[in-house]
Amino acid sequence: MSMEMKLQVKLSQQLVMTPQLVQAIRLLQLSRLELVDEVRKELDGNPVLADEIVEPKEAAARPEHSNSVPAESPNDVQTRNNEPETGHTDMGQREAEKQVKDVDWERYLENQQLRQPVGATRSGFDELPPIEQNYTRVTSLREHLEWQLQMADFLESERNFAMLVIGNLDEKGYLDLKGGTGPNGERIPDLTIEDLAREAELDPEDAEEVLRMIQRFDPIGVASRDLRDCLMVQAETLGFDEVEKAIIRDHLPDVERRNLHAIVRALGVPLDEVIDAVQEIQKLESVPARNFSEVDDRTIAITPDVYVIKDGDRFVVTDNDRGMQRLYINDGLVKRMLRDPKAKEFINEKLRSAQWLIRAIEQRRRTIIRVTESIVEKQREFLERGVAYLKPMILRDVAESVGMHESTISRVTSNKYVHTPQGLFELKYFFNSSIQRIGEEDIASESVKQAIKKLIGEEDKDHPLSDQAIVKMLEDKDGIRIARRTVAKYREMLGILSSAKRTRLF
């Protein structure tokens, strides 16, 4: 067998990810807040970019001869600079051009980073503290317990142990000493109270006593190991009688199953006494951290990316540019800097980068509007009549409508919100699987969830609907044919208990 070398010409196609394409894809999947941060970073690092925070009407009324103009190519700028200038040029202008050539770029960039945005001056209020200092926030459970710990008369070792206990509380306020999985997949063993005591250099025999003292901090029952422990601490603190403590200690499963006669037989007490005891137990707090949160819900606000407004018989989609920084090329600076041969290469690079960013942001805006318009076209009945008329829709439906790939639609709809006549929704909310109906067109799964929620909300609390009863009612009333396990799955997604646990006990 002979071996030889040959030259072959082969024609093939492949996708090349240019820097512009990579930047456009990255910006497309950013949320509104992330985009604002990205623009800030570019403004700090690119001196040819200028920003103004304007209202949409002001932007539309911007004169053509503004100092900040849309981007143009480096070749256009250089061509205009090479054209002969007409008119009188005085000595002051020549002196200014001479000074421009001696610009200290490092100092300019440093000043650019420290520059305040337009409109951020304080006017006559320089003596007032920043408004951020006047904000209040909800105290977290950890902070609340640490404040009580400072007020308590603990030894140093007991205080260290208490800090370890507070640091191991879960989101409900229970003591969580379970291990987990390490970075390399190894199993981390569970901790014990003795382990925390040894780490805090506290005698293990004293650890339980210190833990009981912490459990009587406000809220009472915090740092308990489980629900039974939490309720027992509250019962002892509030002076419950022995029947109530016995029910908490031995018969919580019977209370959950509404099996009060089993408690009567086990304790040998009248039914009325058991009912009174269970009613008192139900007043106790099962989640100690209920009124505390690491995140203040009052500070969480969602700003929509687009608005859907009804204008007569049609729905109009408009972008929300309120508060967004508009980017422009600082034309005056570019013209002056390009006259300096030393700065020309630097300015050309920054100018190209600025153009790519401006075009990518504009492309992102147009893409979001196109996708939203396609969603509005398909979900018009929902916009007019509510969630019960939400139609099933998948990414492929919108992708085919706007001529884009499904992955692009997924990026566009992630972390983007739209304000509609029916309320504020994430764009991903409108994508639902279909459920078949008898003799009618398919219905969206989200509409089925809302139908289940409505049926359960209207049920007789003394005789709640079972999942099978809900299946039959959906089929008879709305023609929706689904399995019982689907009803159970949707019910759990809505956070609704089973019929046995929804039964009104008293």
Protein backbone atom coordinates (compact mmCIF):
# COMPACT_ATOMS: atom_id res chain seq x y z
CA MET A 1 0.00 0.00 0.00
CA SER A 2 1.47 3.33 -1.07
CA MET A 3 1.08 6.61 0.80
CA GLU A 4 1.03 9.95 -0.93
CA MET A 5 0.16 13.57 -0.16
CA LYS A 6 -2.65 15.33 -2.01
CA LEU A 7 -4.16 18.81 -2.00
CA GLN A 8 -7.96 18.98 -2.00
CA VAL A 9 -10.26 21.96 -2.21
CA LYS A 10 -13.34 21.61 -0.04
CA LEU A 11 -16.25 24.05 0.29
CA SER A 12 -18.08 24.07 3.63
CA GLN A 13 -20.21 26.35 5.75
CA GLN A 14 -19.78 27.02 9.44
CA LEU A 15 -21.04 29.55 11.94
CA VAL A 16 -18.37 31.95 13.15
CA MET A 17 -19.15 33.79 16.37
CA THR A 18 -17.83 37.29 15.79
CA PRO A 19 -17.25 39.58 18.78
CA GLN A 20 -20.28 41.62 17.72
CA LEU A 21 -22.51 38.53 17.68
CA VAL A 22 -21.24 37.35 21.05
CA GLN A 23 -21.94 40.78 22.54
CA ALA A 24 -25.43 40.92 21.01
CA ILE A 25 -26.34 37.47 22.38
CA ARG A 26 -25.00 38.35 25.83
CA LEU A 27 -26.94 41.62 25.99
CA LEU A 28 -30.12 39.92 24.76
CA GLN A 29 -30.39 37.67 27.82
CA LEU A 30 -29.64 40.39 30.38
CA SER A 31 -32.43 41.69 32.57
CA ARG A 32 -33.17 45.39 32.76
CA LEU A 33 -31.06 45.96 35.88
CA GLU A 34 -28.16 43.93 34.45
CA LEU A 35 -28.30 45.99 31.26
CA VAL A 36 -28.10 49.23 33.27
CA ASP A 37 -24.98 47.91 35.05
CA GLU A 38 -23.45 46.88 31.73
CA VAL A 39 -24.03 50.34 30.26
CA ARG A 40 -22.45 51.92 33.34
CA LYS A 41 -19.33 49.81 32.90
CA GLU A 42 -19.03 50.77 29.24
CA LEU A 43 -19.44 54.46 30.09
CA ASP A 44 -16.65 54.20 32.64
CA GLY A 45 -14.26 52.54 30.20
CA ASN A 46 -15.06 54.23 26.89
CA PRO A 47 -14.44 58.01 26.67
CA VAL A 48 -16.21 58.46 23.32
CA LEU A 49 -19.56 57.34 24.79
CA ALA A 50 -21.89 59.99 26.16
CA ASP A 51 -25.09 59.41 28.09
CA GLU A 52 -28.20 61.38 28.88
CA ILE A 53 -31.18 60.29 30.93
CA VAL A 54 -34.14 61.70 29.00
CA GLU A 55 -37.82 61.06 28.68
CA PRO A 56 -39.06 59.48 25.43
CA LYS A 57 -40.64 62.77 24.25
CA GLU A 58 -37.41 64.63 24.87
CA ALA A 59 -35.49 62.03 22.92
CA ALA A 60 -37.87 62.37 19.97
CA ALA A 61 -37.55 66.16 20.05
CA ARG A 62 -33.75 66.11 20.12
CA PRO A 63 -32.40 68.55 17.48
CA GLU A 64 -30.30 67.18 14.70
CA HIS A 65 -27.35 69.41 15.56
CA SER A 66 -27.00 68.22 19.16
CA ASN A 67 -23.54 67.73 20.64
CA SER A 68 -24.37 64.07 21.14
CA VAL A 69 -25.26 62.34 17.88
CA PRO A 70 -25.76 58.74 16.79
CA ALA A 71 -22.73 56.67 15.95
CA GLU A 72 -20.94 56.95 12.64
CA SER A 73 -18.07 54.93 11.26
CA PRO A 74 -14.42 55.88 11.83
CA ASN A 75 -13.92 56.32 8.07
CA ASP A 76 -16.77 58.85 7.92
CA VAL A 77 -15.28 60.80 10.79
CA GLN A 78 -11.80 60.81 9.23
CA THR A 79 -13.20 61.85 5.81
CA ARG A 80 -14.98 64.80 7.31
CA ASN A 81 -11.85 65.75 9.21
CA ASN A 82 -9.76 65.72 6.03
CA GLU A 83 -12.14 68.08 4.21
CA PRO A 84 -10.96 71.70 4.07
CA GLU A 85 -12.55 73.87 6.71
CA THR A 86 -14.06 77.19 5.70
CA GLY A 87 -14.64 80.30 7.75
CA HIS A 88 -12.51 82.40 10.02
CA THR A 89 -10.40 80.62 12.66
CA ASP A 90 -9.12 82.91 15.36
CA MET A 91 -6.04 82.47 17.52
CA GLY A 92 -8.08 81.20 20.46
CA GLN A 93 -9.36 78.24 18.44
CA ARG A 94 -5.86 77.37 17.25
CA GLU A 95 -4.59 77.46 20.80
CA ALA A 96 -7.44 75.16 21.90
CA GLU A 97 -6.61 72.66 19.12
CA LYS A 98 -2.98 72.70 20.22
CA GLN A 99 -4.00 71.89 23.78
CA VAL A 100 -6.19 68.98 22.60
CA LYS A 101 -3.13 67.27 21.13
CA ASP A 102 -1.54 67.23 24.57
CA VAL A 103 -4.43 65.50 26.34
CA ASP A 104 -3.41 63.23 29.23
CA TRP A 105 -5.50 60.16 28.38
CA GLU A 106 -4.88 58.42 31.69
CA ARG A 107 -6.16 61.41 33.62
CA TYR A 108 -9.08 61.79 31.23
CA LEU A 109 -10.16 58.17 31.74
CA GLU A 110 -9.76 58.53 35.48
CA ASN A 111 -11.96 61.63 35.46
CA GLN A 112 -14.44 59.82 33.22
CA GLN A 113 -14.86 57.12 35.86
CA LEU A 114 -15.38 59.67 38.62
CA ARG A 115 -17.74 61.81 36.55
CA GLN A 116 -21.25 62.27 37.90
CA PRO A 117 -24.08 61.44 35.49
CA VAL A 118 -26.15 64.26 34.11
CA GLY A 119 -28.79 65.42 36.53
CA ALA A 120 -27.08 63.99 39.61
CA THR A 121 -26.12 67.37 41.13
CA ARG A 122 -27.51 68.18 44.55
CA SER A 123 -28.30 71.89 43.86
CA GLY A 124 -28.89 73.60 47.21
CA PHE A 125 -29.17 70.42 49.25
CA ASP A 126 -25.47 69.62 49.71
CA GLU A 127 -25.82 69.71 53.49
CA LEU A 128 -28.51 67.04 53.59
CA PRO A 129 -27.54 63.37 54.08
CA PRO A 130 -28.03 60.98 51.15
CA ILE A 131 -31.59 59.73 50.85
CA GLU A 132 -30.32 56.14 51.15
CA GLN A 133 -29.50 56.84 54.79
CA ASN A 134 -33.19 57.50 55.49
CA TYR A 135 -34.36 54.13 54.18
CA THR A 136 -35.52 51.51 56.67
CA ARG A 137 -35.44 47.76 56.22
CA VAL A 138 -36.91 44.74 57.93
CA THR A 139 -34.74 43.23 60.67
CA SER A 140 -33.70 39.68 59.87
CA LEU A 141 -34.15 36.83 62.33
CA ARG A 142 -30.38 36.52 62.75
CA GLU A 143 -30.02 40.21 63.66
CA HIS A 144 -32.96 40.00 66.05
CA LEU A 145 -31.46 37.01 67.88
CA GLU A 146 -27.97 38.52 67.98
CA TRP A 147 -29.40 41.67 69.59
CA GLN A 148 -31.07 39.55 72.30
CA LEU A 149 -27.83 37.61 72.74
CA GLN A 150 -25.97 40.83 73.47
CA MET A 151 -28.51 41.66 76.17
CA ALA A 152 -28.27 38.20 77.77
CA ASP A 153 -25.86 37.32 80.58
CA PHE A 154 -23.78 34.63 78.84
CA LEU A 155 -20.19 33.54 79.32
CA GLU A 156 -17.83 33.89 76.37
CA SER A 157 -17.96 30.18 75.50
CA GLU A 158 -21.77 30.17 75.80
CA ARG A 159 -21.98 33.22 73.57
CA ASN A 160 -19.79 31.53 70.94
CA PHE A 161 -22.01 28.44 71.08
CA ALA A 162 -25.13 30.58 70.70
CA MET A 163 -23.63 32.28 67.62
CA LEU A 164 -23.02 28.87 66.06
CA VAL A 165 -26.61 27.87 66.76
CA ILE A 166 -27.95 31.09 65.23
CA GLY A 167 -25.73 30.57 62.21
CA ASN A 168 -27.25 27.12 61.60
CA LEU A 169 -30.90 28.17 61.48
CA ASP A 170 -32.86 27.48 58.30
CA GLU A 171 -35.36 29.82 56.63
CA LYS A 172 -38.14 28.66 58.98
CA GLY A 173 -36.12 29.30 62.14
CA TYR A 174 -35.39 25.64 62.91
CA LEU A 175 -31.95 24.35 63.88
CA ASP A 176 -30.51 22.61 60.80
CA LEU A 177 -27.46 20.45 61.53
CA LYS A 178 -27.77 18.21 58.48
CA GLY A 179 -24.68 17.63 56.39
CA GLY A 180 -24.57 17.97 52.65
CA THR A 181 -22.37 17.36 49.65
CA GLY A 182 -18.90 18.84 49.37
CA PRO A 183 -17.44 20.54 46.28
CA ASN A 184 -15.99 17.23 45.10
CA GLY A 185 -19.19 15.27 45.69
CA GLU A 186 -18.11 13.81 49.01
CA ARG A 187 -20.68 13.29 51.77
CA ILE A 188 -20.45 15.75 54.67
CA PRO A 189 -21.61 14.11 57.94
CA ASP A 190 -24.37 15.63 60.06
CA LEU A 191 -23.42 17.82 62.99
CA THR A 192 -24.55 17.41 66.58
CA ILE A 193 -25.01 19.78 69.49
CA GLU A 194 -21.86 18.30 70.99
CA ASP A 195 -19.90 19.23 67.84
CA LEU A 196 -21.02 22.86 68.15
CA ALA A 197 -20.14 22.84 71.86
CA ARG A 198 -16.63 21.52 71.21
CA GLU A 199 -16.06 24.13 68.50
CA ALA A 200 -17.16 26.86 70.92
CA GLU A 201 -15.03 25.34 73.73
CA LEU A 202 -18.18 24.81 75.81
CA ASP A 203 -18.77 21.81 78.06
CA PRO A 204 -21.16 19.49 76.10
CA GLU A 205 -23.17 18.96 79.29
CA ASP A 206 -24.02 22.69 79.32
CA ALA A 207 -24.89 22.85 75.60
CA GLU A 208 -28.47 21.61 75.98
CA GLU A 209 -29.19 24.15 78.73
CA VAL A 210 -27.84 27.03 76.60
CA LEU A 211 -29.91 25.77 73.65
CA ARG A 212 -33.06 25.79 75.80
CA MET A 213 -32.32 29.39 76.77
CA ILE A 214 -31.99 30.35 73.08
CA GLN A 215 -35.28 28.61 72.29
CA ARG A 216 -36.97 30.97 74.71
CA PHE A 217 -35.72 34.04 72.89
CA ASP A 218 -38.24 35.96 70.83
CA PRO A 219 -39.78 34.35 68.80
CA ILE A 220 -40.40 31.52 71.26
CA GLY A 221 -39.50 28.13 69.81
CA VAL A 222 -36.72 29.36 67.55
CA ALA A 223 -33.74 26.99 67.13
CA SER A 224 -35.96 23.95 67.72
CA ARG A 225 -35.04 20.71 66.00
CA ASP A 226 -38.54 19.94 64.64
CA LEU A 227 -42.20 20.95 64.87
CA ARG A 228 -42.87 18.88 68.00
CA ASP A 229 -39.92 20.46 69.79
CA CYS A 230 -41.02 23.96 68.69
CA LEU A 231 -44.61 23.53 69.91
CA MET A 232 -43.48 21.94 73.18
CA VAL A 233 -41.23 24.90 74.00
CA GLN A 234 -44.14 27.29 73.43
CA ALA A 235 -46.52 25.09 75.47
CA GLU A 236 -44.12 25.01 78.43
CA THR A 237 -43.52 28.76 78.25
CA LEU A 238 -47.24 29.59 78.04
CA GLY A 239 -48.23 27.15 80.81
CA PHE A 240 -50.27 24.57 78.86
CA ASP A 241 -51.81 21.72 80.85
CA GLU A 242 -50.73 18.07 80.69
CA VAL A 243 -53.39 17.02 78.16
CA GLU A 244 -52.25 19.66 75.68
CA LYS A 245 -48.58 18.72 76.19
CA ALA A 246 -49.40 15.02 75.74
CA ILE A 247 -51.14 15.74 72.45
CA ILE A 248 -48.11 17.71 71.22
CA ARG A 249 -45.69 15.05 72.41
CA ASP A 250 -47.46 11.90 71.16
CA HIS A 251 -50.43 12.69 68.91
CA LEU A 252 -49.51 15.35 66.36
CA PRO A 253 -50.06 12.86 63.46
CA ASP A 254 -53.60 12.22 64.76
CA VAL A 255 -54.26 15.96 64.87
CA GLU A 256 -53.04 16.28 61.28
CA ARG A 257 -55.33 13.44 60.16
CA ARG A 258 -58.27 14.92 62.12
CA ASN A 259 -58.48 11.65 64.07
CA LEU A 260 -59.59 13.08 67.40
CA HIS A 261 -61.29 9.84 68.58
CA ALA A 262 -57.88 8.11 68.58
CA ILE A 263 -56.62 10.79 70.98
CA VAL A 264 -59.70 10.30 73.17
CA ARG A 265 -59.06 6.56 73.39
CA ALA A 266 -55.35 6.97 74.07
CA LEU A 267 -55.63 9.65 76.77
CA GLY A 268 -58.96 8.58 78.26
CA VAL A 269 -60.36 12.10 78.36
CA PRO A 270 -63.70 13.46 77.06
CA LEU A 271 -63.95 14.56 73.41
CA ASP A 272 -64.82 18.12 74.41
CA GLU A 273 -61.57 18.40 76.35
CA VAL A 274 -59.56 17.10 73.38
CA ILE A 275 -61.29 19.60 71.07
CA ASP A 276 -60.47 22.48 73.43
CA ALA A 277 -56.85 21.32 73.68
CA VAL A 278 -56.42 21.03 69.89
CA GLN A 279 -57.90 24.50 69.41
CA GLU A 280 -55.31 25.94 71.81
CA ILE A 281 -52.49 24.05 70.07
CA GLN A 282 -53.57 25.47 66.70
CA LYS A 283 -52.93 28.98 68.04
CA LEU A 284 -49.20 28.23 68.47
CA GLU A 285 -46.65 29.30 65.86
CA SER A 286 -45.31 26.49 63.70
CA VAL A 287 -42.82 28.69 61.78
CA PRO A 288 -40.79 30.83 64.20
CA ALA A 289 -39.24 32.90 61.41
CA ARG A 290 -42.58 33.78 59.81
CA ASN A 291 -42.35 37.50 60.60
CA PHE A 292 -38.67 37.77 59.70
CA SER A 293 -37.10 37.71 56.27
CA GLU A 294 -33.62 38.12 54.81
CA VAL A 295 -35.23 40.01 51.92
CA ASP A 296 -37.52 42.96 52.47
CA ASP A 297 -40.51 42.35 50.20
CA ARG A 298 -41.33 46.05 50.32
CA THR A 299 -38.11 46.88 48.44
CA ILE A 300 -38.71 44.38 45.64
CA ALA A 301 -40.03 46.19 42.61
CA ILE A 302 -40.31 44.96 39.04
CA THR A 303 -39.91 47.43 36.20
CA PRO A 304 -41.54 46.22 32.98
CA ASP A 305 -39.41 46.11 29.84
CA VAL A 306 -42.40 46.66 27.54
CA TYR A 307 -45.96 47.95 27.81
CA VAL A 308 -49.02 46.61 26.04
CA ILE A 309 -51.62 49.38 25.74
CA LYS A 310 -55.06 49.04 24.23
CA ASP A 311 -55.72 51.74 21.65
CA GLY A 312 -59.25 51.38 20.33
CA ASP A 313 -59.59 47.87 18.91
CA ARG A 314 -55.88 47.10 18.76
CA PHE A 315 -53.08 46.51 21.24
CA VAL A 316 -49.94 48.61 20.89
CA VAL A 317 -46.54 47.39 22.15
CA THR A 318 -44.11 50.06 23.28
CA ASP A 319 -40.76 49.75 25.02
CA ASN A 320 -40.14 51.24 28.45
CA ASP A 321 -37.12 53.51 28.13
CA ARG A 322 -37.95 55.60 31.19
CA GLY A 323 -34.84 55.85 33.35
CA MET A 324 -32.68 54.03 30.79
CA GLN A 325 -29.50 55.71 29.67
CA ARG A 326 -29.38 56.58 25.98
CA LEU A 327 -25.92 56.21 24.50
CA TYR A 328 -24.47 58.58 21.91
CA ILE A 329 -21.10 59.13 20.30
CA ASN A 330 -19.36 62.26 21.55
CA ASP A 331 -18.78 63.63 18.06
CA GLY A 332 -16.88 66.71 19.16
CA LEU A 333 -14.36 64.72 21.18
CA VAL A 334 -13.85 62.19 18.38
CA LYS A 335 -13.15 64.91 15.80
CA ARG A 336 -10.59 66.57 18.04
CA MET A 337 -8.84 63.39 19.10
CA LEU A 338 -8.51 62.02 15.57
CA ARG A 339 -6.30 64.98 14.70
CA ASP A 340 -3.67 63.61 17.04
CA PRO A 341 -1.78 60.75 15.33
CA LYS A 342 -0.90 59.25 18.71
CA ALA A 343 -4.54 59.05 19.82
CA LYS A 344 -6.03 58.05 16.45
CA GLU A 345 -5.61 54.29 16.90
CA PHE A 346 -6.99 54.40 20.43
CA ILE A 347 -10.01 56.48 19.41
CA ASN A 348 -10.76 54.25 16.41
CA GLU A 349 -10.84 51.18 18.67
CA LYS A 350 -13.07 52.86 21.24
CA LEU A 351 -15.33 54.23 18.52
CA ARG A 352 -15.87 50.78 17.01
CA SER A 353 -16.59 49.36 20.46
CA ALA A 354 -19.12 52.11 21.13
CA GLN A 355 -20.85 51.52 17.79
CA TRP A 356 -21.15 47.79 18.47
CA LEU A 357 -22.66 48.45 21.89
CA ILE A 358 -25.20 51.00 20.59
CA ARG A 359 -26.27 48.70 17.77
CA ALA A 360 -26.51 45.67 20.08
CA ILE A 361 -28.72 47.57 22.54
CA GLU A 362 -30.96 48.79 19.73
CA GLN A 363 -31.16 45.28 18.29
CA ARG A 364 -32.10 43.97 21.75
CA ARG A 365 -34.89 46.54 22.02
CA ARG A 366 -36.31 45.70 18.61
CA THR A 367 -36.15 41.96 19.26
CA ILE A 368 -38.04 42.25 22.56
CA ILE A 369 -40.74 44.34 20.87
CA ARG A 370 -41.08 41.88 17.96
CA VAL A 371 -41.39 38.91 20.31
CA THR A 372 -43.92 40.74 22.49
CA GLU A 373 -45.97 41.71 19.44
CA SER A 374 -46.09 38.06 18.40
CA ILE A 375 -47.23 37.04 21.90
CA VAL A 376 -49.90 39.76 21.89
CA GLU A 377 -51.17 38.58 18.52
CA LYS A 378 -51.58 35.01 19.79
CA GLN A 379 -52.91 35.94 23.25
CA ARG A 380 -55.34 38.70 22.29
CA GLU A 381 -58.27 36.95 23.96
CA PHE A 382 -56.31 36.70 27.23
CA LEU A 383 -55.56 40.43 27.13
CA GLU A 384 -59.25 41.22 26.71
CA ARG A 385 -60.92 38.62 28.95
CA GLY A 386 -58.42 37.27 31.50
CA VAL A 387 -56.38 34.20 32.43
CA ALA A 388 -59.22 31.75 31.74
CA TYR A 389 -58.72 32.49 28.03
CA LEU A 390 -54.95 32.00 27.95
CA LYS A 391 -54.10 29.89 24.91
CA PRO A 392 -51.46 27.14 24.86
CA MET A 393 -48.25 28.33 23.25
CA ILE A 394 -44.67 27.07 22.98
CA LEU A 395 -41.40 28.70 21.98
CA ARG A 396 -41.61 27.25 18.50
CA ASP A 397 -44.85 29.15 17.80
CA VAL A 398 -43.22 32.53 18.44
CA ALA A 399 -39.93 31.51 16.79
CA GLU A 400 -41.70 30.66 13.54
CA SER A 401 -43.74 33.86 13.69
CA VAL A 402 -40.74 36.21 14.05
CA GLY A 403 -38.26 34.12 12.06
CA MET A 404 -35.84 33.43 14.90
CA HIS A 405 -34.45 30.35 16.61
CA GLU A 406 -36.15 28.94 19.70
CA SER A 407 -33.01 29.55 21.77
CA THR A 408 -33.20 33.25 20.88
CA ILE A 409 -36.85 33.40 22.00
CA SER A 410 -35.85 31.71 25.26
CA ARG A 411 -33.17 34.36 25.88
CA VAL A 412 -35.55 37.19 25.04
CA THR A 413 -38.29 36.00 27.41
CA SER A 414 -36.01 35.25 30.38
CA ASN A 415 -36.19 37.89 33.13
CA LYS A 416 -38.21 40.24 30.91
CA TYR A 417 -41.55 41.62 32.08
CA VAL A 418 -44.52 43.07 30.24
CA HIS A 419 -47.24 45.32 31.64
CA THR A 420 -50.64 44.42 30.17
CA PRO A 421 -54.27 45.40 30.84
CA GLN A 422 -54.48 42.14 32.86
CA GLY A 423 -51.45 42.95 35.04
CA LEU A 424 -47.67 42.52 35.11
CA PHE A 425 -46.29 39.22 33.80
CA GLU A 426 -42.98 37.68 32.89
CA LEU A 427 -42.85 36.93 29.18
CA LYS A 428 -42.29 33.25 29.98
CA TYR A 429 -45.71 33.20 31.68
CA PHE A 430 -47.44 33.02 28.30
CA PHE A 431 -45.78 29.73 27.32
CA ASN A 432 -47.96 26.84 28.48
CA SER A 433 -48.56 23.27 27.47
CA SER A 434 -51.96 22.40 26.03
CA ILE A 435 -54.78 20.45 27.69
CA GLN A 436 -57.41 18.85 25.47
CA ARG A 437 -61.07 19.77 25.82
CA ILE A 438 -64.09 17.87 24.59
CA GLY A 439 -65.48 19.41 21.40
CA GLU A 440 -63.49 22.64 21.82
CA GLU A 441 -60.00 23.93 21.16
CA ASP A 442 -57.20 23.12 23.57
CA ILE A 443 -56.73 25.16 26.74
CA ALA A 444 -53.50 26.32 28.41
CA SER A 445 -52.29 24.48 31.50
CA GLU A 446 -52.17 27.78 33.44
CA SER A 447 -55.89 28.25 32.79
CA VAL A 448 -56.54 24.75 34.15
CA LYS A 449 -54.61 25.61 37.31
CA GLN A 450 -56.73 28.69 37.83
CA ALA A 451 -59.90 26.66 37.24
CA ILE A 452 -58.80 24.16 39.91
CA LYS A 453 -58.02 27.01 42.30
CA LYS A 454 -61.46 28.54 41.70
CA LEU A 455 -63.25 25.23 42.35
CA ILE A 456 -61.38 24.67 45.61
CA GLY A 457 -62.04 28.27 46.68
CA GLU A 458 -65.80 27.78 46.25
CA GLU A 459 -66.01 24.32 47.88
CA ASP A 460 -67.81 23.46 51.10
CA LYS A 461 -65.10 23.54 53.78
CA ASP A 462 -66.91 20.86 55.79
CA HIS A 463 -66.85 18.53 52.76
CA PRO A 464 -63.88 19.55 50.55
CA LEU A 465 -63.57 18.28 47.00
CA SER A 466 -61.36 15.28 46.36
CA ASP A 467 -59.02 15.24 43.36
CA GLN A 468 -61.31 12.78 41.58
CA ALA A 469 -64.32 15.05 42.20
CA ILE A 470 -62.37 17.96 40.68
CA VAL A 471 -61.59 15.82 37.61
CA LYS A 472 -65.29 15.13 37.08
CA MET A 473 -66.33 18.77 37.61
CA LEU A 474 -63.73 20.03 35.14
CA GLU A 475 -64.95 17.58 32.52
CA ASP A 476 -68.65 18.29 33.08
CA LYS A 477 -68.40 22.06 33.42
CA ASP A 478 -65.56 23.10 31.10
CA GLY A 479 -64.97 20.02 28.96
CA ILE A 480 -61.43 19.68 30.35
CA ARG A 481 -60.31 16.07 30.45
CA ILE A 482 -57.28 15.45 32.68
CA ALA A 483 -56.09 12.66 34.95
CA ARG A 484 -56.44 12.68 38.75
CA ARG A 485 -52.65 12.73 39.19
CA THR A 486 -52.52 15.87 37.00
CA VAL A 487 -54.98 17.58 39.34
CA ALA A 488 -52.84 16.54 42.31
CA LYS A 489 -49.71 17.89 40.61
CA TYR A 490 -51.33 21.24 39.77
CA ARG A 491 -52.79 21.47 43.29
CA GLU A 492 -49.34 20.98 44.83
CA MET A 493 -47.87 23.60 42.47
CA LEU A 494 -50.52 26.03 43.73
CA GLY A 495 -49.65 25.21 47.36
CA ILE A 496 -53.08 23.72 48.12
CA LEU A 497 -53.38 20.84 50.60
CA SER A 498 -55.21 17.57 49.95
CA SER A 499 -58.91 17.26 50.72
CA ALA A 500 -58.24 15.38 53.98
CA LYS A 501 -56.10 18.27 55.27
CA ARG A 502 -58.51 20.93 54.00
CA THR A 503 -61.38 19.59 56.08
CA ARG A 504 -62.55 22.12 58.66
CA LEU A 505 -61.90 20.52 62.04
CA PHE A 506 -64.25 22.65 64.17
